């Protein structure tokens, strides 16, 4: 593994570790506000973390399973469904805005 990819992996690892507690709170059904308060960040940051987690879902899912074995399978499924719904809503808004501007 090259030095550059090790550095990138190290940054991603730190990011997963930073994001994971908020994702666990979200997986348990809490609102983004509660996750933000726990992490000491804004709600917008938590929403950005959800987007980031989706892009890196294989690594994030593996990390959550390993680091939080108490997190049940149905809760993890809930987290990913929640993130997917958020992404779908954002895409619909983009599509509508694009359609509206083209008309």
Protein backbone atom coordinates (compact mmCIF):
# COMPACT_ATOMS: atom_id res chain seq x y z
CA UNK A 1 0.00 0.00 0.00
CA UNK A 2 1.43 3.37 -0.96
CA UNK A 3 1.97 6.16 1.53
CA UNK A 4 -0.75 8.22 -0.13
CA UNK A 5 -3.38 5.48 0.17
CA UNK A 6 -2.35 4.84 3.79
CA UNK A 7 -2.84 8.52 4.54
CA UNK A 8 -6.22 8.49 2.84
CA UNK A 9 -7.24 5.36 4.72
CA UNK A 10 -6.08 6.94 7.98
CA UNK A 11 -8.20 10.03 7.35
CA UNK A 12 -11.23 7.91 6.45
CA UNK A 13 -10.74 5.82 9.59
CA UNK A 14 -10.67 8.93 11.74
CA UNK A 15 -13.76 10.19 9.98
CA UNK A 16 -15.62 6.93 10.55
CA UNK A 17 -14.67 7.05 14.21
CA UNK A 18 -15.88 10.65 14.42
CA UNK A 19 -19.15 9.96 12.61
CA UNK A 20 -20.01 6.58 14.15
CA UNK A 21 -21.48 7.79 17.49
CA UNK A 22 -23.94 10.05 15.67
CA UNK A 23 -24.88 7.24 13.29
CA UNK A 24 -25.52 4.90 16.22
CA UNK A 25 -27.88 7.47 17.76
CA UNK A 26 -29.66 7.83 14.41
CA UNK A 27 -29.89 4.04 14.07
CA UNK A 28 -31.66 3.91 17.41
CA UNK A 29 -34.41 6.12 15.99
CA UNK A 30 -33.37 9.50 17.39
CA UNK A 31 -33.66 12.73 15.48
CA UNK A 32 -30.66 14.37 13.83
CA UNK A 33 -30.88 17.14 16.48
CA UNK A 34 -30.17 14.61 19.25
CA UNK A 35 -27.25 13.14 17.30
CA UNK A 36 -25.90 16.66 16.69
CA UNK A 37 -26.14 17.56 20.38
CA UNK A 38 -24.35 14.35 21.33
CA UNK A 39 -21.55 14.97 18.81
CA UNK A 40 -21.31 18.70 19.54
CA UNK A 41 -21.98 19.68 15.92
CA UNK A 42 -24.80 21.26 13.93
CA UNK A 43 -27.72 19.33 12.47
CA UNK A 44 -26.40 20.23 9.00
CA UNK A 45 -23.13 18.49 9.87
CA UNK A 46 -24.98 15.34 10.92
CA UNK A 47 -26.93 15.41 7.65
CA UNK A 48 -23.65 15.76 5.75
CA UNK A 49 -22.27 12.83 7.74
CA UNK A 50 -25.28 10.77 6.63
CA UNK A 51 -24.43 11.59 3.00
CA UNK A 52 -20.78 10.73 3.62
CA UNK A 53 -21.76 7.45 5.30
CA UNK A 54 -23.83 6.48 2.26
CA UNK A 55 -20.88 7.04 -0.06
CA UNK A 56 -18.71 4.84 2.18
CA UNK A 57 -21.45 2.48 3.35
CA UNK A 58 -19.47 -0.75 3.05
CA UNK A 59 -16.68 0.53 5.30
CA UNK A 60 -19.08 2.32 7.64
CA UNK A 61 -21.36 -0.71 7.96
CA UNK A 62 -18.39 -2.97 8.72
CA UNK A 63 -17.06 -0.49 11.28
CA UNK A 64 -20.45 -0.16 13.01
CA UNK A 65 -20.88 -3.94 13.16
CA UNK A 66 -17.40 -4.39 14.62
CA UNK A 67 -17.33 -1.42 17.00
CA UNK A 68 -20.95 -1.54 18.15
CA UNK A 69 -21.90 -5.23 18.41
CA UNK A 70 -24.87 -4.24 20.60
CA UNK A 71 -26.42 -2.47 17.58
CA UNK A 72 -29.02 -4.92 16.30
CA UNK A 73 -29.42 -5.84 12.65
CA UNK A 74 -32.85 -4.22 12.42
CA UNK A 75 -31.42 -0.94 13.76
CA UNK A 76 -28.65 -0.96 11.14
CA UNK A 77 -31.24 -1.67 8.47
CA UNK A 78 -33.29 1.27 9.80
CA UNK A 79 -30.23 3.55 9.57
CA UNK A 80 -29.49 2.69 5.95
CA UNK A 81 -33.17 2.98 4.97
CA UNK A 82 -33.32 6.36 6.65
CA UNK A 83 -30.24 7.59 4.80
CA UNK A 84 -31.59 6.20 1.53
CA UNK A 85 -34.93 8.02 2.02
CA UNK A 86 -33.04 11.26 2.65
CA UNK A 87 -31.07 10.80 -0.56
CA UNK A 88 -34.25 10.05 -2.53
CA UNK A 89 -35.98 13.19 -1.21
CA UNK A 90 -32.99 15.33 -2.14
CA UNK A 91 -32.92 13.82 -5.63
CA UNK A 92 -36.64 14.49 -6.15
CA UNK A 93 -36.10 18.12 -5.16
CA UNK A 94 -33.19 18.40 -7.59
CA UNK A 95 -35.22 16.80 -10.38
CA UNK A 96 -38.14 19.15 -9.74
CA UNK A 97 -35.89 22.21 -9.68
CA UNK A 98 -34.25 21.09 -12.91
CA UNK A 99 -37.63 20.45 -14.56
CA UNK A 100 -38.95 23.80 -13.37
CA UNK A 101 -35.94 25.74 -14.63
CA UNK A 102 -36.11 24.03 -18.03
CA UNK A 103 -39.77 24.92 -18.57
